[in-house]
């Protein structure tokens, strides 16, 4: 493979990230090369999987079939034998050659897409929601640390928890939008324990103090759960290679601030405008990440293969 063709493939993946990534892009820009380009390729893969699952104008059966073809193409790229010359597959094959990627992470991500595509999503329990978060977010965290590098196998559990924290933050931000699309990720049993249904939570009437108290208590419970996951995964910030710690810090800071905004005014996440971290604040986080001193360097001696550490 010529260097020019590979450079063009990575550039195409970067263009996808720059246009589509939003929160993710601000952190990835801090990643040193060649790991930065590797992450651009991983994100481009995730974006295409999402687009296939959400593609309007195609039947459910057509999208199922397209995702399964995408799965086969992914396996081919991960083994270094991409089935076509599209930039995504050229770049992903190169990433797999450079890093200890695990195909199961990608399969789990696709299983999450297929589960969403299969029908109306309603999580009965926290265990069901946790599995959903694992498939769509913890798998991303696992791929990230395999690219960023780590030596301590504890990083695997921390990456899983951090991914769940990120996804639960997203879910709390997007409750109304998800409901409009037929998805209720919030655990049904926990809603019931608070005397709520998805519909009554979305109504959150100001004129009914008892119902408003139930809604606030439910949301505060979910915020505390997400906060506990951020705290449980805190060691991850020291377990990955030092050159990628600014990236992880920036991404976590953005999502954590989003959770704090939801926690300060949970009703706003339900009935107000979509909760966001302003662009100027993300840029400030990126600036701070560049200036921060992240203690520790690359470990001496041999590195545990990421796949072996996860087993």
Protein backbone atom coordinates (compact mmCIF):
# COMPACT_ATOMS: atom_id res chain seq x y z
CA UNK A 1 0.00 0.00 0.00
CA UNK A 2 1.47 3.32 -1.03
CA UNK A 3 2.00 5.95 1.64
CA UNK A 4 -0.04 8.43 -0.39
CA UNK A 5 -3.08 6.17 -0.57
CA UNK A 6 -2.92 5.46 3.15
CA UNK A 7 -2.57 9.16 3.96
CA UNK A 8 -5.63 9.87 1.81
CA UNK A 9 -7.59 7.16 3.62
CA UNK A 10 -6.78 8.63 7.02
CA UNK A 11 -7.58 12.14 5.76
CA UNK A 12 -11.02 10.95 4.67
CA UNK A 13 -11.64 9.50 8.14
CA UNK A 14 -10.52 12.74 9.76
CA UNK A 15 -13.01 14.65 7.62
CA UNK A 16 -15.82 12.45 8.99
CA UNK A 17 -14.73 13.19 12.56
CA UNK A 18 -14.40 16.92 11.97
CA UNK A 19 -17.96 17.16 10.64
CA UNK A 20 -19.74 14.57 12.79
CA UNK A 21 -17.90 14.00 16.06
CA UNK A 22 -18.90 17.06 18.14
CA UNK A 23 -17.75 16.28 21.71
CA UNK A 24 -15.43 13.49 20.57
CA UNK A 25 -13.46 15.68 18.18
CA UNK A 26 -12.29 18.15 20.82
CA UNK A 27 -10.56 15.36 22.72
CA UNK A 28 -9.17 13.49 19.74
CA UNK A 29 -7.32 16.55 18.49
CA UNK A 30 -5.08 16.24 21.56
CA UNK A 31 -3.99 12.71 20.69
CA UNK A 32 -0.49 12.48 19.22
CA UNK A 33 0.10 10.90 15.83
CA UNK A 34 -0.14 8.15 14.71
CA UNK A 35 -2.65 7.33 17.45
CA UNK A 36 -4.78 10.33 16.48
CA UNK A 37 -5.30 9.05 12.94
CA UNK A 38 -6.01 5.59 14.33
CA UNK A 39 -8.81 7.06 16.44
CA UNK A 40 -10.17 8.96 13.45
CA UNK A 41 -10.48 5.64 11.62
CA UNK A 42 -12.23 4.02 14.59
CA UNK A 43 -14.68 6.92 14.84
CA UNK A 44 -15.38 6.80 11.08
CA UNK A 45 -16.20 3.10 11.49
CA UNK A 46 -18.61 3.86 14.35
CA UNK A 47 -20.23 6.66 12.38
CA UNK A 48 -20.89 4.41 9.39
CA UNK A 49 -22.37 1.69 11.60
CA UNK A 50 -24.70 4.29 13.16
CA UNK A 51 -25.68 5.64 9.75
CA UNK A 52 -26.54 2.19 8.44
CA UNK A 53 -28.78 1.46 11.43
CA UNK A 54 -30.54 4.84 11.15
CA UNK A 55 -30.72 5.04 7.36
CA UNK A 56 -34.06 6.44 6.30
CA UNK A 57 -35.78 5.03 3.26
CA UNK A 58 -34.56 1.48 3.84
CA UNK A 59 -36.56 -1.31 5.41
CA UNK A 60 -35.55 -2.95 8.64
CA UNK A 61 -34.61 -6.11 6.75
CA UNK A 62 -32.39 -4.15 4.36
CA UNK A 63 -30.59 -2.46 7.24
CA UNK A 64 -30.11 -5.78 9.03
CA UNK A 65 -28.54 -7.22 5.87
CA UNK A 66 -26.34 -4.17 5.34
CA UNK A 67 -25.08 -4.32 8.94
CA UNK A 68 -24.21 -7.99 8.55
CA UNK A 69 -22.26 -7.21 5.36
CA UNK A 70 -20.58 -4.41 7.29
CA UNK A 71 -19.66 -6.94 9.99
CA UNK A 72 -18.02 -9.21 7.42
CA UNK A 73 -16.13 -6.26 5.90
CA UNK A 74 -14.97 -5.28 9.39
CA UNK A 75 -13.61 -8.76 10.07
CA UNK A 76 -11.77 -8.68 6.75
CA UNK A 77 -10.18 -5.32 7.51
CA UNK A 78 -9.19 -6.36 11.03
CA UNK A 79 -7.36 -9.37 9.60
CA UNK A 80 -5.53 -7.16 7.12
CA UNK A 81 -7.47 -8.20 4.03
CA UNK A 82 -10.02 -5.45 3.29
CA UNK A 83 -12.57 -6.48 0.70
CA UNK A 84 -12.59 -3.17 -1.16
CA UNK A 85 -10.53 -0.03 -1.53
CA UNK A 86 -12.71 2.39 0.38
CA UNK A 87 -10.76 4.74 2.67
CA UNK A 88 -12.46 3.40 5.83
CA UNK A 89 -11.28 -0.16 5.24
CA UNK A 90 -7.79 0.86 4.17
CA UNK A 91 -7.37 2.93 7.33
CA UNK A 92 -8.94 0.36 9.66
CA UNK A 93 -6.72 -2.41 8.29
CA UNK A 94 -3.68 -0.25 9.02
CA UNK A 95 -4.91 0.47 12.55
CA UNK A 96 -5.34 -3.26 13.16
CA UNK A 97 -1.81 -3.85 11.93
CA UNK A 98 -0.40 -1.27 14.37
CA UNK A 99 -2.52 -2.02 17.44
CA UNK A 100 -3.90 -5.02 19.34
CA UNK A 101 -7.52 -4.55 18.34
CA UNK A 102 -10.01 -7.22 19.42
CA UNK A 103 -12.70 -8.13 16.92
CA UNK A 104 -15.22 -8.89 19.69
CA UNK A 105 -15.32 -5.20 20.63
CA UNK A 106 -16.51 -4.37 17.12
CA UNK A 107 -18.98 -7.26 17.08
CA UNK A 108 -20.45 -6.11 20.40
CA UNK A 109 -20.89 -2.59 19.00
CA UNK A 110 -22.74 -3.99 16.00
CA UNK A 111 -24.88 -6.19 18.26
CA UNK A 112 -25.93 -3.00 20.04
CA UNK A 113 -26.95 -1.46 16.72
CA UNK A 114 -28.90 -4.59 15.78
CA UNK A 115 -30.70 -4.60 19.14
CA UNK A 116 -31.81 -0.99 18.59
CA UNK A 117 -32.87 -1.81 15.05
CA UNK A 118 -34.87 -4.88 16.11
CA UNK A 119 -37.72 -2.82 17.51
CA UNK A 120 -38.90 -0.41 20.18
CA UNK A 121 -36.29 -0.25 22.94
CA UNK A 122 -37.54 -0.47 26.52
CA UNK A 123 -35.03 -1.39 29.23
CA UNK A 124 -36.83 -3.22 32.03
CA UNK A 125 -33.97 -3.04 34.54
CA UNK A 126 -30.62 -1.41 35.19
CA UNK A 127 -28.94 -4.65 34.12
CA UNK A 128 -30.54 -4.32 30.67
CA UNK A 129 -29.57 -0.66 30.44
CA UNK A 130 -26.03 -1.45 31.55
CA UNK A 131 -25.70 -4.04 28.78
CA UNK A 132 -26.95 -1.49 26.27
CA UNK A 133 -24.40 1.06 27.52
CA UNK A 134 -21.66 -1.55 27.36
CA UNK A 135 -22.41 -2.43 23.76
CA UNK A 136 -22.57 1.12 22.43
CA UNK A 137 -20.04 2.90 24.67
CA UNK A 138 -17.83 0.61 26.77
CA UNK A 139 -16.75 -1.15 23.60
CA UNK A 140 -15.59 2.24 22.32
CA UNK A 141 -13.60 2.72 25.51
CA UNK A 142 -11.97 -0.67 25.08
CA UNK A 143 -10.94 0.11 21.51
CA UNK A 144 -9.60 3.48 22.67
CA UNK A 145 -7.33 2.04 25.35
CA UNK A 146 -6.04 -0.57 22.91
CA UNK A 147 -4.96 2.29 20.65
CA UNK A 148 -3.79 4.61 23.45
CA UNK A 149 -1.83 1.88 25.21
CA UNK A 150 -1.84 0.53 28.76
CA UNK A 151 0.06 -1.96 30.86
CA UNK A 152 -2.16 -2.61 33.88
CA UNK A 153 -5.13 -4.91 33.11
CA UNK A 154 -7.22 -2.89 35.60
CA UNK A 155 -7.57 -0.38 32.76
CA UNK A 156 -10.08 -2.73 31.10
CA UNK A 157 -12.65 -2.55 33.91
CA UNK A 158 -12.09 1.20 34.25
CA UNK A 159 -12.66 1.72 30.51
CA UNK A 160 -15.91 -0.25 30.75
CA UNK A 161 -17.15 1.90 33.64
CA UNK A 162 -16.08 5.14 31.94
CA UNK A 163 -17.94 4.18 28.79
CA UNK A 164 -21.11 3.42 30.76
CA UNK A 165 -20.77 6.78 32.55
CA UNK A 166 -20.50 8.57 29.19
CA UNK A 167 -23.49 6.76 27.71
CA UNK A 168 -25.68 7.22 30.77
CA UNK A 169 -24.88 10.94 30.55
CA UNK A 170 -25.98 10.92 26.91
CA UNK A 171 -29.20 9.07 27.80
CA UNK A 172 -30.09 11.57 30.54
CA UNK A 173 -29.52 14.40 28.07
CA UNK A 174 -31.58 12.80 25.27
CA UNK A 175 -34.61 11.41 27.11
CA UNK A 176 -37.18 13.38 25.11
CA UNK A 177 -35.48 12.81 21.74
CA UNK A 178 -35.14 9.07 22.39
CA UNK A 179 -38.79 8.78 23.44
CA UNK A 180 -39.87 10.47 20.21
CA UNK A 181 -37.91 7.78 18.35
CA UNK A 182 -39.55 4.93 20.25
CA UNK A 183 -36.69 4.35 22.68
CA UNK A 184 -36.92 4.41 26.47
CA UNK A 185 -33.57 3.48 27.94
CA UNK A 186 -34.45 4.46 31.52
CA UNK A 187 -35.10 1.34 33.63
CA UNK A 188 -38.83 0.68 33.78
CA UNK A 189 -38.68 -0.85 37.27
CA UNK A 190 -36.92 2.22 38.65
CA UNK A 191 -39.46 4.55 37.06
CA UNK A 192 -42.21 2.48 38.66
CA UNK A 193 -40.55 2.63 42.09
CA UNK A 194 -40.67 6.41 41.82
CA UNK A 195 -44.34 6.31 40.82
CA UNK A 196 -43.56 7.36 37.25
CA UNK A 197 -44.03 6.31 33.66
CA UNK A 198 -41.95 7.63 30.76
CA UNK A 199 -44.90 9.84 29.83
CA UNK A 200 -45.32 11.34 33.30
CA UNK A 201 -41.58 12.00 33.57
CA UNK A 202 -41.66 13.83 30.25
CA UNK A 203 -44.66 15.88 31.42
CA UNK A 204 -42.91 17.02 34.67
CA UNK A 205 -45.69 19.45 35.64
CA UNK A 206 -44.62 22.51 37.60
CA UNK A 207 -48.13 22.82 39.01
CA UNK A 208 -48.09 19.38 40.65
CA UNK A 209 -45.51 19.49 43.46
CA UNK A 210 -45.86 15.80 44.35
CA UNK A 211 -45.22 14.66 40.78
CA UNK A 212 -42.41 17.18 40.35
CA UNK A 213 -40.76 15.78 43.49
CA UNK A 214 -40.95 12.24 42.07
CA UNK A 215 -39.45 13.35 38.75
CA UNK A 216 -36.59 15.18 40.46
CA UNK A 217 -35.86 12.25 42.79
CA UNK A 218 -35.72 9.84 39.84
CA UNK A 219 -33.38 12.03 37.83
CA UNK A 220 -31.13 12.73 40.81
CA UNK A 221 -30.86 8.97 41.39
CA UNK A 222 -29.69 8.46 37.80
CA UNK A 223 -27.23 11.37 38.05
CA UNK A 224 -25.74 9.86 41.24
CA UNK A 225 -25.37 6.52 39.46
CA UNK A 226 -23.49 8.14 36.58
CA UNK A 227 -21.33 10.11 39.02
CA UNK A 228 -20.43 6.90 40.85
CA UNK A 229 -19.27 5.39 37.55
CA UNK A 230 -17.07 8.41 36.83
CA UNK A 231 -15.53 8.01 40.28
CA UNK A 232 -15.07 4.24 39.94
CA UNK A 233 -13.25 4.72 36.63
CA UNK A 234 -11.00 7.53 37.91
CA UNK A 235 -7.85 5.31 37.97
CA UNK A 236 -8.06 5.03 34.17
CA UNK A 237 -6.62 8.56 33.91
CA UNK A 238 -3.32 7.19 35.21
CA UNK A 239 -3.37 3.77 33.60
CA UNK A 240 -3.19 4.68 29.92
CA UNK A 241 -0.01 5.88 28.21
CA UNK A 242 0.97 9.38 29.28
CA UNK A 243 0.86 10.80 25.75
CA UNK A 244 -2.90 10.10 25.51
CA UNK A 245 -3.92 11.23 28.99
CA UNK A 246 -4.77 14.77 27.82
CA UNK A 247 -7.25 13.27 25.34
CA UNK A 248 -8.97 11.17 27.97
CA UNK A 249 -8.99 14.04 30.46
CA UNK A 250 -10.60 16.41 27.94
CA UNK A 251 -13.26 13.91 26.85
CA UNK A 252 -14.12 13.09 30.45
CA UNK A 253 -14.20 16.76 31.45
CA UNK A 254 -16.69 17.54 28.67
CA UNK A 255 -19.04 14.67 29.52
CA UNK A 256 -18.68 15.20 33.27
CA UNK A 257 -19.60 18.87 32.91
CA UNK A 258 -22.62 17.83 30.88
CA UNK A 259 -23.71 15.56 33.73
CA UNK A 260 -23.19 18.39 36.24
CA UNK A 261 -25.45 20.65 34.18
CA UNK A 262 -28.16 17.99 34.17
CA UNK A 263 -27.74 17.47 37.92
CA UNK A 264 -28.07 21.19 38.68
CA UNK A 265 -31.37 21.46 36.81
CA UNK A 266 -32.71 18.00 35.87
CA UNK A 267 -36.05 19.38 34.73
CA UNK A 268 -34.24 21.30 32.00
CA UNK A 269 -33.00 18.01 30.54
CA UNK A 270 -36.62 16.91 30.19
CA UNK A 271 -38.63 19.97 29.16
CA UNK A 272 -36.07 22.58 28.12
CA UNK A 273 -33.56 22.98 25.33
CA UNK A 274 -31.00 20.23 24.89
CA UNK A 275 -28.32 20.49 27.57
CA UNK A 276 -24.94 21.27 26.03
CA UNK A 277 -21.42 22.23 26.94
CA UNK A 278 -20.79 25.44 24.94
CA UNK A 279 -18.17 25.37 22.19
CA UNK A 280 -16.09 28.05 23.92
CA UNK A 281 -15.98 25.87 27.04
CA UNK A 282 -14.87 22.82 25.05
CA UNK A 283 -12.09 24.90 23.51
CA UNK A 284 -11.07 26.05 26.98
CA UNK A 285 -11.00 22.43 28.16
CA UNK A 286 -8.80 21.55 25.20
CA UNK A 287 -6.44 24.42 26.03
CA UNK A 288 -6.26 23.33 29.65
CA UNK A 289 -5.61 19.73 28.62
CA UNK A 290 -2.64 20.82 26.52
CA UNK A 291 -1.24 22.83 29.42
CA UNK A 292 -1.79 20.24 32.13
CA UNK A 293 1.08 18.09 33.36
CA UNK A 294 0.10 14.45 33.30
CA UNK A 295 2.41 12.63 35.67
CA UNK A 296 4.17 9.50 34.57
CA UNK A 297 5.58 8.34 31.30
CA UNK A 298 5.57 5.18 29.29
CA UNK A 299 6.24 2.15 31.44
CA UNK A 300 9.53 0.38 31.20
CA UNK A 301 9.72 -3.20 30.01
CA UNK A 302 7.26 -5.23 28.03
CA UNK A 303 3.66 -4.17 27.42
CA UNK A 304 0.77 -6.55 28.03
CA UNK A 305 -1.04 -7.18 24.75
CA UNK A 306 -4.41 -5.52 25.18
CA UNK A 307 -6.32 -8.60 24.11
CA UNK A 308 -4.46 -10.74 26.63
CA UNK A 309 -5.15 -8.26 29.41
CA UNK A 310 -8.85 -8.40 28.71
CA UNK A 311 -9.07 -12.15 28.81
